[in-house]
Amino acid sequence: MTHLPNAVRLVMPLVGAAILSSCGGGGSGAGSPPPAGWVQGQFAPESNFAAMCVTPRTGIDPGTQKAYPDVQGTMLDELNWLRSWNNDLYLWF
């Protein structure tokens, strides 16, 4: 990670923590084989996986005064969202 600017190295862990907490938790997929249907270098739009959470939040979002948009999903949905979001927003190109 030494090739990344200091600001990016400081912000990325915070962004990751915010993403994991937004769906009520995290998990570890270390050592797991890629899921069926996963193709390296191909990314579905992040909107396909938006608000799909293993542990959906309930209640009212204090920031918007509206119900949380979370729906039941799987860990694979969360990981696919994170993968697509990262591909869209990170400066790969």
N, C-alpha and C. Protein backbone atom coordinates (compact mmCIF):
# COMPACT_ATOMS: atom_id res chain seq x y z
N MET A 1 0.81 -1.19 0.00
CA MET A 1 0.00 0.00 0.00
C MET A 1 0.86 1.26 0.00
N THR A 2 2.15 1.11 -0.16
CA THR A 2 3.01 2.27 -0.10
C THR A 2 2.84 3.19 -1.30
N HIS A 3 2.23 2.72 -2.38
CA HIS A 3 2.03 3.55 -3.55
C HIS A 3 0.79 4.43 -3.46
N LEU A 4 -0.01 4.25 -2.43
CA LEU A 4 -1.22 5.06 -2.26
C LEU A 4 -0.90 6.34 -1.50
N PRO A 5 -1.56 7.43 -1.84
CA PRO A 5 -1.38 8.66 -1.07
C PRO A 5 -1.80 8.44 0.39
N ASN A 6 -1.19 9.19 1.30
CA ASN A 6 -1.50 9.04 2.73
C ASN A 6 -2.98 9.21 3.02
N ALA A 7 -3.63 10.16 2.38
CA ALA A 7 -5.05 10.40 2.64
C ALA A 7 -5.88 9.17 2.29
N VAL A 8 -5.56 8.50 1.19
CA VAL A 8 -6.31 7.32 0.78
C VAL A 8 -6.08 6.20 1.78
N ARG A 9 -4.83 6.02 2.23
CA ARG A 9 -4.55 4.96 3.20
C ARG A 9 -5.26 5.20 4.52
N LEU A 10 -5.49 6.44 4.87
CA LEU A 10 -6.19 6.74 6.11
C LEU A 10 -7.70 6.60 5.97
N VAL A 11 -8.24 6.93 4.81
CA VAL A 11 -9.69 6.94 4.60
C VAL A 11 -10.24 5.55 4.32
N MET A 12 -9.53 4.72 3.58
CA MET A 12 -10.07 3.42 3.16
C MET A 12 -10.50 2.54 4.34
N PRO A 13 -9.73 2.41 5.44
CA PRO A 13 -10.23 1.60 6.57
C PRO A 13 -11.52 2.17 7.17
N LEU A 14 -11.63 3.49 7.21
CA LEU A 14 -12.84 4.11 7.75
C LEU A 14 -14.04 3.82 6.85
N VAL A 15 -13.83 3.88 5.54
CA VAL A 15 -14.90 3.58 4.59
C VAL A 15 -15.33 2.12 4.75
N GLY A 16 -14.37 1.23 4.85
CA GLY A 16 -14.69 -0.19 5.02
C GLY A 16 -15.48 -0.44 6.29
N ALA A 17 -15.08 0.20 7.38
CA ALA A 17 -15.80 0.04 8.65
C ALA A 17 -17.22 0.58 8.54
N ALA A 18 -17.39 1.70 7.87
CA ALA A 18 -18.72 2.28 7.70
C ALA A 18 -19.61 1.36 6.88
N ILE A 19 -19.05 0.75 5.86
CA ILE A 19 -19.83 -0.15 5.01
C ILE A 19 -20.28 -1.36 5.80
N LEU A 20 -19.37 -1.97 6.54
CA LEU A 20 -19.73 -3.15 7.31
C LEU A 20 -20.76 -2.83 8.38
N SER A 21 -20.61 -1.67 9.03
CA SER A 21 -21.56 -1.34 10.09
C SER A 21 -22.92 -0.94 9.53
N SER A 22 -22.97 -0.50 8.28
CA SER A 22 -24.25 -0.06 7.73
C SER A 22 -25.22 -1.21 7.56
N CYS A 23 -24.71 -2.41 7.44
CA CYS A 23 -25.59 -3.57 7.32
C CYS A 23 -25.59 -4.42 8.58
N GLY A 24 -25.08 -3.91 9.64
CA GLY A 24 -25.21 -4.57 10.92
C GLY A 24 -24.14 -5.61 11.21
N GLY A 25 -23.04 -5.63 10.51
CA GLY A 25 -21.99 -6.57 10.86
C GLY A 25 -21.08 -6.87 9.71
N GLY A 26 -20.14 -7.72 9.98
CA GLY A 26 -19.17 -8.09 8.96
C GLY A 26 -18.93 -9.58 9.01
N GLY A 27 -17.90 -9.99 8.40
CA GLY A 27 -17.56 -11.40 8.40
C GLY A 27 -16.26 -11.58 7.69
N SER A 28 -15.80 -12.80 7.69
CA SER A 28 -14.53 -13.09 7.05
C SER A 28 -14.72 -14.18 6.03
N GLY A 29 -14.27 -13.93 4.84
CA GLY A 29 -14.34 -14.92 3.78
C GLY A 29 -12.96 -15.44 3.44
N ALA A 30 -11.98 -15.20 4.32
CA ALA A 30 -10.61 -15.60 4.05
C ALA A 30 -10.52 -17.10 3.84
N GLY A 31 -9.84 -17.48 2.78
CA GLY A 31 -9.63 -18.89 2.51
C GLY A 31 -10.76 -19.56 1.77
N SER A 32 -11.82 -18.85 1.49
CA SER A 32 -12.97 -19.44 0.80
C SER A 32 -12.76 -19.38 -0.70
N PRO A 33 -13.20 -20.41 -1.43
CA PRO A 33 -13.11 -20.34 -2.88
C PRO A 33 -14.12 -19.33 -3.42
N PRO A 34 -13.90 -18.82 -4.64
CA PRO A 34 -14.87 -17.89 -5.22
C PRO A 34 -16.24 -18.55 -5.36
N PRO A 35 -17.32 -17.80 -5.14
CA PRO A 35 -18.66 -18.37 -5.27
C PRO A 35 -18.97 -18.72 -6.73
N ALA A 36 -19.91 -19.61 -6.91
CA ALA A 36 -20.34 -20.00 -8.25
C ALA A 36 -20.85 -18.77 -8.99
N GLY A 37 -20.48 -18.64 -10.23
CA GLY A 37 -20.93 -17.52 -11.03
C GLY A 37 -20.02 -16.31 -10.97
N TRP A 38 -19.03 -16.32 -10.08
CA TRP A 38 -18.10 -15.20 -9.94
C TRP A 38 -17.08 -15.27 -11.06
N VAL A 39 -16.89 -14.16 -11.75
CA VAL A 39 -15.93 -14.10 -12.84
C VAL A 39 -14.99 -12.93 -12.59
N GLN A 40 -13.71 -13.21 -12.52
CA GLN A 40 -12.72 -12.17 -12.28
C GLN A 40 -12.81 -11.10 -13.36
N GLY A 41 -12.82 -9.83 -12.93
CA GLY A 41 -12.84 -8.72 -13.87
C GLY A 41 -14.21 -8.31 -14.37
N GLN A 42 -15.26 -9.03 -13.98
CA GLN A 42 -16.62 -8.66 -14.37
C GLN A 42 -17.37 -8.20 -13.12
N PHE A 43 -17.99 -7.03 -13.23
CA PHE A 43 -18.64 -6.42 -12.08
C PHE A 43 -20.07 -6.05 -12.42
N ALA A 44 -21.02 -6.60 -11.67
CA ALA A 44 -22.42 -6.19 -11.81
C ALA A 44 -22.55 -4.80 -11.20
N PRO A 45 -23.53 -4.01 -11.64
CA PRO A 45 -23.72 -2.68 -11.04
C PRO A 45 -23.98 -2.79 -9.54
N GLU A 46 -23.40 -1.88 -8.78
CA GLU A 46 -23.59 -1.91 -7.33
C GLU A 46 -25.06 -1.77 -6.95
N SER A 47 -25.85 -1.11 -7.79
CA SER A 47 -27.27 -0.94 -7.50
C SER A 47 -28.01 -2.28 -7.44
N ASN A 48 -27.45 -3.31 -8.08
CA ASN A 48 -28.07 -4.65 -8.01
C ASN A 48 -28.06 -5.20 -6.59
N PHE A 49 -27.14 -4.72 -5.76
CA PHE A 49 -26.96 -5.27 -4.41
C PHE A 49 -27.22 -4.25 -3.31
N ALA A 50 -27.64 -3.05 -3.67
CA ALA A 50 -27.82 -1.98 -2.69
C ALA A 50 -28.83 -2.38 -1.62
N ALA A 51 -28.48 -2.11 -0.37
CA ALA A 51 -29.34 -2.31 0.80
C ALA A 51 -29.68 -3.78 1.06
N MET A 52 -28.96 -4.72 0.44
CA MET A 52 -29.17 -6.15 0.72
C MET A 52 -28.20 -6.54 1.82
N CYS A 53 -28.74 -6.88 3.00
CA CYS A 53 -27.92 -7.11 4.18
C CYS A 53 -28.21 -8.46 4.81
N VAL A 54 -27.15 -9.08 5.34
CA VAL A 54 -27.32 -10.31 6.10
C VAL A 54 -28.19 -10.04 7.32
N THR A 55 -27.91 -8.90 7.98
CA THR A 55 -28.67 -8.49 9.16
C THR A 55 -29.26 -7.11 8.89
N PRO A 56 -30.43 -7.05 8.25
CA PRO A 56 -31.03 -5.75 7.93
C PRO A 56 -31.35 -4.94 9.19
N ARG A 57 -31.15 -3.64 9.09
CA ARG A 57 -31.52 -2.76 10.19
C ARG A 57 -33.03 -2.53 10.14
N THR A 58 -33.60 -2.27 11.29
CA THR A 58 -35.03 -1.94 11.36
C THR A 58 -35.16 -0.60 12.06
N GLY A 59 -36.30 0.01 11.93
CA GLY A 59 -36.54 1.28 12.60
C GLY A 59 -36.36 2.46 11.67
N ILE A 60 -36.17 3.61 12.28
CA ILE A 60 -36.09 4.88 11.56
C ILE A 60 -34.65 5.38 11.55
N ASP A 61 -34.18 5.79 10.39
CA ASP A 61 -32.85 6.38 10.24
C ASP A 61 -32.93 7.79 10.82
N PRO A 62 -32.14 8.09 11.86
CA PRO A 62 -32.23 9.43 12.46
C PRO A 62 -31.77 10.54 11.52
N GLY A 63 -30.98 10.21 10.51
CA GLY A 63 -30.52 11.22 9.57
C GLY A 63 -31.56 11.64 8.56
N THR A 64 -32.44 10.70 8.19
CA THR A 64 -33.44 11.00 7.15
C THR A 64 -34.87 10.99 7.68
N GLN A 65 -35.06 10.48 8.88
CA GLN A 65 -36.39 10.32 9.48
C GLN A 65 -37.28 9.38 8.65
N LYS A 66 -36.66 8.48 7.89
CA LYS A 66 -37.38 7.48 7.10
C LYS A 66 -36.91 6.10 7.53
N ALA A 67 -37.70 5.10 7.21
CA ALA A 67 -37.32 3.73 7.53
C ALA A 67 -36.04 3.35 6.79
N TYR A 68 -35.21 2.54 7.43
CA TYR A 68 -34.01 2.05 6.76
C TYR A 68 -34.42 1.27 5.51
N PRO A 69 -33.67 1.38 4.42
CA PRO A 69 -34.03 0.70 3.18
C PRO A 69 -33.57 -0.76 3.12
N ASP A 70 -32.94 -1.26 4.17
CA ASP A 70 -32.35 -2.59 4.14
C ASP A 70 -33.38 -3.68 3.87
N VAL A 71 -32.97 -4.66 3.07
CA VAL A 71 -33.76 -5.86 2.82
C VAL A 71 -32.88 -7.07 3.10
N GLN A 72 -33.51 -8.20 3.32
CA GLN A 72 -32.76 -9.42 3.60
C GLN A 72 -31.90 -9.80 2.40
N GLY A 73 -30.67 -10.09 2.66
CA GLY A 73 -29.74 -10.53 1.63
C GLY A 73 -28.81 -11.57 2.20
N THR A 74 -27.76 -11.85 1.49
CA THR A 74 -26.76 -12.83 1.92
C THR A 74 -25.41 -12.15 2.05
N MET A 75 -24.46 -12.86 2.64
CA MET A 75 -23.11 -12.33 2.71
C MET A 75 -22.56 -12.13 1.30
N LEU A 76 -22.92 -13.00 0.37
CA LEU A 76 -22.47 -12.86 -1.01
C LEU A 76 -23.00 -11.55 -1.61
N ASP A 77 -24.26 -11.19 -1.30
CA ASP A 77 -24.81 -9.91 -1.77
C ASP A 77 -23.98 -8.74 -1.24
N GLU A 78 -23.66 -8.78 0.06
CA GLU A 78 -22.86 -7.70 0.65
C GLU A 78 -21.48 -7.63 0.01
N LEU A 79 -20.86 -8.77 -0.19
CA LEU A 79 -19.52 -8.79 -0.79
C LEU A 79 -19.55 -8.34 -2.25
N ASN A 80 -20.58 -8.72 -2.97
CA ASN A 80 -20.71 -8.27 -4.36
C ASN A 80 -20.92 -6.76 -4.42
N TRP A 81 -21.72 -6.22 -3.49
CA TRP A 81 -21.90 -4.77 -3.46
C TRP A 81 -20.58 -4.07 -3.20
N LEU A 82 -19.84 -4.55 -2.21
CA LEU A 82 -18.57 -3.95 -1.86
C LEU A 82 -17.59 -4.04 -3.03
N ARG A 83 -17.57 -5.16 -3.71
CA ARG A 83 -16.68 -5.35 -4.86
C ARG A 83 -17.03 -4.39 -6.00
N SER A 84 -18.31 -4.28 -6.32
CA SER A 84 -18.74 -3.38 -7.39
C SER A 84 -18.54 -1.92 -7.01
N TRP A 85 -18.87 -1.58 -5.78
CA TRP A 85 -18.70 -0.21 -5.30
C TRP A 85 -17.23 0.19 -5.37
N ASN A 86 -16.37 -0.70 -4.91
CA ASN A 86 -14.93 -0.43 -4.93
C ASN A 86 -14.43 -0.26 -6.37
N ASN A 87 -14.90 -1.09 -7.29
CA ASN A 87 -14.48 -0.99 -8.68
C ASN A 87 -14.94 0.33 -9.30
N ASP A 88 -16.15 0.78 -8.94
CA ASP A 88 -16.68 2.03 -9.50
C ASP A 88 -15.96 3.27 -8.96
N LEU A 89 -15.64 3.26 -7.67
CA LEU A 89 -15.15 4.48 -7.04
C LEU A 89 -13.64 4.57 -6.89
N TYR A 90 -12.96 3.46 -6.89
CA TYR A 90 -11.52 3.51 -6.74
C TYR A 90 -10.87 3.96 -8.04
N LEU A 91 -9.75 4.61 -7.95
CA LEU A 91 -9.09 5.17 -9.13
C LEU A 91 -8.21 4.11 -9.82
N TRP A 92 -8.84 3.10 -10.38
CA TRP A 92 -8.11 2.03 -11.05
C TRP A 92 -7.51 2.50 -12.36
N PHE A 93 -8.19 3.40 -13.02
CA PHE A 93 -7.83 3.72 -14.39
C PHE A 93 -7.07 5.00 -14.51
